[in-house]
PDB file of N, CA and C in Angstrom:
ATOM      1  N   MET A   1      82.746  65.473 111.523  1.00  0.00           N
ATOM      2  CA  MET A   1      83.772  66.055 110.688  1.00  0.00           C
ATOM      3  C   MET A   1      84.634  67.008 111.517  1.00  0.00           C
ATOM      4  N   PRO A   2      85.969  66.968 111.371  1.00  0.00           N
ATOM      5  CA  PRO A   2      86.813  67.836 112.190  1.00  0.00           C
ATOM      6  C   PRO A   2      86.721  69.296 111.765  1.00  0.00           C
ATOM      7  N   LYS A   3      87.159  70.156 112.660  1.00  0.00           N
ATOM      8  CA  LYS A   3      87.176  71.590 112.354  1.00  0.00           C
ATOM      9  C   LYS A   3      88.186  71.874 111.251  1.00  0.00           C
ATOM     10  N   LEU A   4      87.926  72.908 110.468  1.00  0.00           N
ATOM     11  CA  LEU A   4      88.879  73.334 109.433  1.00  0.00           C
ATOM     12  C   LEU A   4      89.922  74.249 110.061  1.00  0.00           C
ATOM     13  N   LYS A   5      91.163  74.074 109.648  1.00  0.00           N
ATOM     14  CA  LYS A   5      92.213  74.957 110.137  1.00  0.00           C
ATOM     15  C   LYS A   5      92.254  76.231 109.299  1.00  0.00           C
ATOM     16  N   THR A   6      92.459  77.349 109.958  1.00  0.00           N
ATOM     17  CA  THR A   6      92.615  78.620 109.275  1.00  0.00           C
ATOM     18  C   THR A   6      93.998  78.687 108.655  1.00  0.00           C
ATOM     19  N   ASN A   7      94.084  79.187 107.425  1.00  0.00           N
ATOM     20  CA  ASN A   7      95.381  79.421 106.803  1.00  0.00           C
ATOM     21  C   ASN A   7      95.950  80.711 107.402  1.00  0.00           C
ATOM     22  N   LYS A   8      96.911  80.575 108.321  1.00  0.00           N
ATOM     23  CA  LYS A   8      97.395  81.721 109.088  1.00  0.00           C
ATOM     24  C   LYS A   8      98.144  82.727 108.235  1.00  0.00           C
ATOM     25  N   GLY A   9      98.843  82.265 107.196  1.00  0.00           N
ATOM     26  CA  GLY A   9      99.553  83.186 106.303  1.00  0.00           C
ATOM     27  C   GLY A   9      98.576  84.128 105.619  1.00  0.00           C
ATOM     28  N   LEU A  10      97.447  83.588 105.192  1.00  0.00           N
ATOM     29  CA  LEU A  10      96.413  84.393 104.548  1.00  0.00           C
ATOM     30  C   LEU A  10      95.734  85.309 105.559  1.00  0.00           C
ATOM     31  N   ALA A  11      95.474  84.793 106.750  1.00  0.00           N
ATOM     32  CA  ALA A  11      94.771  85.574 107.774  1.00  0.00           C
ATOM     33  C   ALA A  11      95.546  86.836 108.151  1.00  0.00           C
ATOM     34  N   LYS A  12      96.888  86.781 108.078  1.00  0.00           N
ATOM     35  CA  LYS A  12      97.701  87.947 108.407  1.00  0.00           C
ATOM     36  C   LYS A  12      97.709  88.988 107.286  1.00  0.00           C
ATOM     37  N   ARG A  13      97.336  88.580 106.088  1.00  0.00           N
ATOM     38  CA  ARG A  13      97.439  89.463 104.927  1.00  0.00           C
ATOM     39  C   ARG A  13      96.127  90.092 104.492  1.00  0.00           C
ATOM     40  N   VAL A  14      94.998  89.561 104.924  1.00  0.00           N
ATOM     41  CA  VAL A  14      93.712  90.076 104.466  1.00  0.00           C
ATOM     42  C   VAL A  14      92.775  90.335 105.646  1.00  0.00           C
ATOM     43  N   LYS A  15      91.768  91.163 105.391  1.00  0.00           N
ATOM     44  CA  LYS A  15      90.716  91.421 106.372  1.00  0.00           C
ATOM     45  C   LYS A  15      89.377  91.178 105.687  1.00  0.00           C
ATOM     46  N   VAL A  16      88.448  90.569 106.409  1.00  0.00           N
ATOM     47  CA  VAL A  16      87.114  90.319 105.870  1.00  0.00           C
ATOM     48  C   VAL A  16      86.181  91.401 106.394  1.00  0.00           C
ATOM     49  N   SER A  17      85.475  92.071 105.480  1.00  0.00           N
ATOM     50  CA  SER A  17      84.547  93.121 105.887  1.00  0.00           C
ATOM     51  C   SER A  17      83.264  92.492 106.420  1.00  0.00           C
ATOM     52  N   SER A  18      82.406  93.314 106.997  1.00  0.00           N
ATOM     53  CA  SER A  18      81.185  92.801 107.618  1.00  0.00           C
ATOM     54  C   SER A  18      80.234  92.186 106.596  1.00  0.00           C
ATOM     55  N   ASN A  19      80.306  92.652 105.335  1.00  0.00           N
ATOM     56  CA  ASN A  19      79.406  92.082 104.321  1.00  0.00           C
ATOM     57  C   ASN A  19      80.086  91.003 103.477  1.00  0.00           C
ATOM     58  N   GLY A  20      81.243  90.506 103.940  1.00  0.00           N
ATOM     59  CA  GLY A  20      81.839  89.336 103.312  1.00  0.00           C
ATOM     60  C   GLY A  20      82.865  89.597 102.227  1.00  0.00           C
ATOM     61  N   LYS A  21      83.172  90.875 101.972  1.00  0.00           N
ATOM     62  CA  LYS A  21      84.203  91.180 100.984  1.00  0.00           C
ATOM     63  C   LYS A  21      85.574  91.075 101.647  1.00  0.00           C
ATOM     64  N   ILE A  22      86.605  90.780 100.843  1.00  0.00           N
ATOM     65  CA  ILE A  22      87.951  90.623 101.389  1.00  0.00           C
ATOM     66  C   ILE A  22      88.831  91.765 100.895  1.00  0.00           C
ATOM     67  N   LYS A  23      89.444  92.467 101.863  1.00  0.00           N
ATOM     68  CA  LYS A  23      90.346  93.562 101.535  1.00  0.00           C
ATOM     69  C   LYS A  23      91.786  93.059 101.586  1.00  0.00           C
ATOM     70  N   ARG A  24      92.608  93.519 100.638  1.00  0.00           N
ATOM     71  CA  ARG A  24      94.004  93.101 100.569  1.00  0.00           C
ATOM     72  C   ARG A  24      94.874  94.300 100.214  1.00  0.00           C
ATOM     73  N   ARG A  25      96.184  94.146 100.407  1.00  0.00           N
ATOM     74  CA  ARG A  25      97.131  95.172  99.979  1.00  0.00           C
ATOM     75  C   ARG A  25      97.506  94.928  98.532  1.00  0.00           C
ATOM     76  N   LYS A  26      97.917  95.992  97.839  1.00  0.00           N
ATOM     77  CA  LYS A  26      98.345  95.840  96.456  1.00  0.00           C
ATOM     78  C   LYS A  26      99.790  95.370  96.392  1.00  0.00           C
ATOM     79  N   ALA A  27     100.110  94.685  95.318  1.00  0.00           N
ATOM     80  CA  ALA A  27     101.465  94.181  95.111  1.00  0.00           C
ATOM     81  C   ALA A  27     102.362  95.273  94.523  1.00  0.00           C
ATOM     82  N   PHE A  28     103.657  95.024  94.500  1.00  0.00           N
ATOM     83  CA  PHE A  28     104.677  95.895  93.894  1.00  0.00           C
ATOM     84  C   PHE A  28     104.899  97.181  94.678  1.00  0.00           C
ATOM     85  N   ALA A  29     104.624  97.181  95.982  1.00  0.00           N
ATOM     86  CA  ALA A  29     104.828  98.386  96.786  1.00  0.00           C
ATOM     87  C   ALA A  29     105.814  98.143  97.920  1.00  0.00           C
ATOM     88  N   GLY A  30     106.577  97.067  97.856  1.00  0.00           N
ATOM     89  CA  GLY A  30     107.467  96.720  98.959  1.00  0.00           C
ATOM     90  C   GLY A  30     108.813  97.409  98.905  1.00  0.00           C
ATOM     91  N   HIS A  31     109.418  97.466  97.717  1.00  0.00           N
ATOM     92  CA  HIS A  31     110.740  98.079  97.588  1.00  0.00           C
ATOM     93  C   HIS A  31     110.905  98.548  96.152  1.00  0.00           C
ATOM     94  N   LEU A  32     112.079  99.128  95.840  1.00  0.00           N
ATOM     95  CA  LEU A  32     112.354  99.704  94.512  1.00  0.00           C
ATOM     96  C   LEU A  32     111.324 100.776  94.161  1.00  0.00           C
ATOM     97  N   MET A  33     111.015 101.616  95.131  1.00  0.00           N
ATOM     98  CA  MET A  33     109.952 102.605  94.935  1.00  0.00           C
ATOM     99  C   MET A  33     110.441 103.871  94.232  1.00  0.00           C
ATOM    100  N   SER A  34     111.759 104.094  94.191  1.00  0.00           N
ATOM    101  CA  SER A  34     112.267 105.341  93.614  1.00  0.00           C
ATOM    102  C   SER A  34     112.008 105.426  92.118  1.00  0.00           C
ATOM    103  N   GLY A  35     111.841 104.295  91.467  1.00  0.00           N
ATOM    104  CA  GLY A  35     111.587 104.304  90.027  1.00  0.00           C
ATOM    105  C   GLY A  35     110.133 104.448  89.665  1.00  0.00           C
ATOM    106  N   LYS A  36     109.270 104.536  90.658  1.00  0.00           N
ATOM    107  CA  LYS A  36     107.835 104.626  90.398  1.00  0.00           C
ATOM    108  C   LYS A  36     107.367 106.061  90.586  1.00  0.00           C
ATOM    109  N   THR A  37     106.391 106.474  89.804  1.00  0.00           N
ATOM    110  CA  THR A  37     105.887 107.839  89.889  1.00  0.00           C
ATOM    111  C   THR A  37     105.075 108.023  91.171  1.00  0.00           C
ATOM    112  N   GLY A  38     104.919 109.266  91.583  1.00  0.00           N
ATOM    113  CA  GLY A  38     104.151 109.570  92.792  1.00  0.00           C
ATOM    114  C   GLY A  38     102.718 109.099  92.687  1.00  0.00           C
ATOM    115  N   ASP A  39     102.125 109.287  91.508  1.00  0.00           N
ATOM    116  CA  ASP A  39     100.736 108.845  91.305  1.00  0.00           C
ATOM    117  C   ASP A  39     100.620 107.338  91.528  1.00  0.00           C
ATOM    118  N   ARG A  40     101.588 106.619  90.970  1.00  0.00           N
ATOM    119  CA  ARG A  40     101.549 105.159  91.083  1.00  0.00           C
ATOM    120  C   ARG A  40     101.738 104.725  92.531  1.00  0.00           C
ATOM    121  N   LYS A  41     102.634 105.404  93.243  1.00  0.00           N
ATOM    122  CA  LYS A  41     102.877 105.046  94.645  1.00  0.00           C
ATOM    123  C   LYS A  41     101.650 105.313  95.504  1.00  0.00           C
ATOM    124  N   ARG A  42     100.962 106.419  95.234  1.00  0.00           N
ATOM    125  CA  ARG A  42      99.737 106.718  95.985  1.00  0.00           C
ATOM    126  C   ARG A  42      98.663 105.678  95.699  1.00  0.00           C
ATOM    127  N   ARG A  43      98.570 105.248  94.445  1.00  0.00           N
ATOM    128  CA  ARG A  43      97.600 104.199  94.090  1.00  0.00           C
ATOM    129  C   ARG A  43      97.919 102.887  94.806  1.00  0.00           C
ATOM    130  N   LEU A  44      99.214 102.570  94.911  1.00  0.00           N
ATOM    131  CA  LEU A  44      99.619 101.317  95.543  1.00  0.00           C
ATOM    132  C   LEU A  44      99.365 101.318  97.048  1.00  0.00           C
ATOM    133  N   LYS A  45      99.282 102.503  97.661  1.00  0.00           N
ATOM    134  CA  LYS A  45      99.018 102.580  99.102  1.00  0.00           C
ATOM    135  C   LYS A  45      97.605 102.110  99.452  1.00  0.00           C
ATOM    136  N   ARG A  46      96.666 102.322  98.522  1.00  0.00           N
ATOM    137  CA  ARG A  46      95.267 101.996  98.807  1.00  0.00           C
ATOM    138  C   ARG A  46      95.047 100.492  98.899  1.00  0.00           C
ATOM    139  N   THR A  47      94.055 100.102  99.649  1.00  0.00           N
ATOM    140  CA  THR A  47      93.706  98.690  99.708  1.00  0.00           C
ATOM    141  C   THR A  47      92.859  98.350  98.486  1.00  0.00           C
ATOM    142  N   ALA A  48      92.841  97.084  98.142  1.00  0.00           N
ATOM    143  CA  ALA A  48      92.049  96.608  97.013  1.00  0.00           C
ATOM    144  C   ALA A  48      91.123  95.510  97.517  1.00  0.00           C
ATOM    145  N   LEU A  49      90.117  95.216  96.730  1.00  0.00           N
ATOM    146  CA  LEU A  49      89.209  94.120  97.061  1.00  0.00           C
ATOM    147  C   LEU A  49      89.577  92.902  96.229  1.00  0.00           C
ATOM    148  N   VAL A  50      89.451  91.743  96.827  1.00  0.00           N
ATOM    149  CA  VAL A  50      89.677  90.495  96.102  1.00  0.00           C
ATOM    150  C   VAL A  50      88.510  90.302  95.144  1.00  0.00           C
ATOM    151  N   SER A  51      88.791  89.782  93.949  1.00  0.00           N
ATOM    152  CA  SER A  51      87.744  89.596  92.955  1.00  0.00           C
ATOM    153  C   SER A  51      86.676  88.633  93.471  1.00  0.00           C
ATOM    154  N   LYS A  52      85.480  88.816  92.964  1.00  0.00           N
ATOM    155  CA  LYS A  52      84.319  88.070  93.451  1.00  0.00           C
ATOM    156  C   LYS A  52      84.498  86.562  93.298  1.00  0.00           C
ATOM    157  N   GLY A  53      85.066  86.131  92.166  1.00  0.00           N
ATOM    158  CA  GLY A  53      85.226  84.709  91.914  1.00  0.00           C
ATOM    159  C   GLY A  53      86.206  84.027  92.849  1.00  0.00           C
ATOM    160  N   PHE A  54      87.210  84.775  93.316  1.00  0.00           N
ATOM    161  CA  PHE A  54      88.255  84.202  94.165  1.00  0.00           C
ATOM    162  C   PHE A  54      87.912  84.308  95.645  1.00  0.00           C
ATOM    163  N   THR A  55      86.922  85.145  95.972  1.00  0.00           N
ATOM    164  CA  THR A  55      86.556  85.392  97.373  1.00  0.00           C
ATOM    165  C   THR A  55      86.121  84.119  98.083  1.00  0.00           C
ATOM    166  N   ARG A  56      85.344  83.293  97.412  1.00  0.00           N
ATOM    167  CA  ARG A  56      84.826  82.081  98.050  1.00  0.00           C
ATOM    168  C   ARG A  56      85.958  81.134  98.439  1.00  0.00           C
ATOM    169  N   THR A  57      86.964  81.005  97.557  1.00  0.00           N
ATOM    170  CA  THR A  57      88.121  80.154  97.842  1.00  0.00           C
ATOM    171  C   THR A  57      88.866  80.652  99.070  1.00  0.00           C
ATOM    172  N   LEU A  58      89.073  81.970  99.144  1.00  0.00           N
ATOM    173  CA  LEU A  58      89.810  82.548 100.259  1.00  0.00           C
ATOM    174  C   LEU A  58      89.026  82.445 101.563  1.00  0.00           C
ATOM    175  N   LEU A  59      87.727  82.638 101.501  1.00  0.00           N
ATOM    176  CA  LEU A  59      86.908  82.508 102.705  1.00  0.00           C
ATOM    177  C   LEU A  59      86.972  81.088 103.255  1.00  0.00           C
ATOM    178  N   ARG A  60      87.033  80.121 102.370  1.00  0.00           N
ATOM    179  CA  ARG A  60      87.154  78.724 102.818  1.00  0.00           C
ATOM    180  C   ARG A  60      88.500  78.509 103.503  1.00  0.00           C
ATOM    181  N   ALA A  61      89.570  79.105 102.953  1.00  0.00           N
ATOM    182  CA  ALA A  61      90.899  78.974 103.553  1.00  0.00           C
ATOM    183  C   ALA A  61      90.962  79.675 104.911  1.00  0.00           C
ATOM    184  N   LEU A  62      90.136  80.715 105.074  1.00  0.00           N
ATOM    185  CA  LEU A  62      90.084  81.428 106.349  1.00  0.00           C
ATOM    186  C   LEU A  62      89.155  80.764 107.353  1.00  0.00           C
ATOM    187  N   GLY A  63      88.444  79.733 106.917  1.00  0.00           N
ATOM    188  CA  GLY A  63      87.532  79.032 107.809  1.00  0.00           C
ATOM    189  C   GLY A  63      86.224  79.780 108.024  1.00  0.00           C
ATOM    190  N   LYS A  64      85.847  80.633 107.084  1.00  0.00           N
ATOM    191  CA  LYS A  64      84.631  81.445 107.227  1.00  0.00           C
ATOM    192  C   LYS A  64      83.496  80.938 106.346  1.00  0.00           C
ATOM    193  N   ALA A  65      83.771  79.963 105.486  1.00  0.00           N
ATOM    194  CA  ALA A  65      82.703  79.516 104.565  1.00  0.00           C
ATOM    195  C   ALA A  65      82.356  78.058 104.800  1.00  0.00           C
TER     196      ALA A  65
END
């Protein structure tokens, strides 16, 4: 069976932690920030974890599963 190709677009956007969780950036933080409150902007700066059910799909696309 041939090797699986890594989805490079995904690989640039996420990081896999040592215990297999996937970290991602939050959406809606790219532009039009002046209309958002400071609290909301600070929340958007933080990284988020991909949900457990979707992690397996993404790991397969990254060639890790």
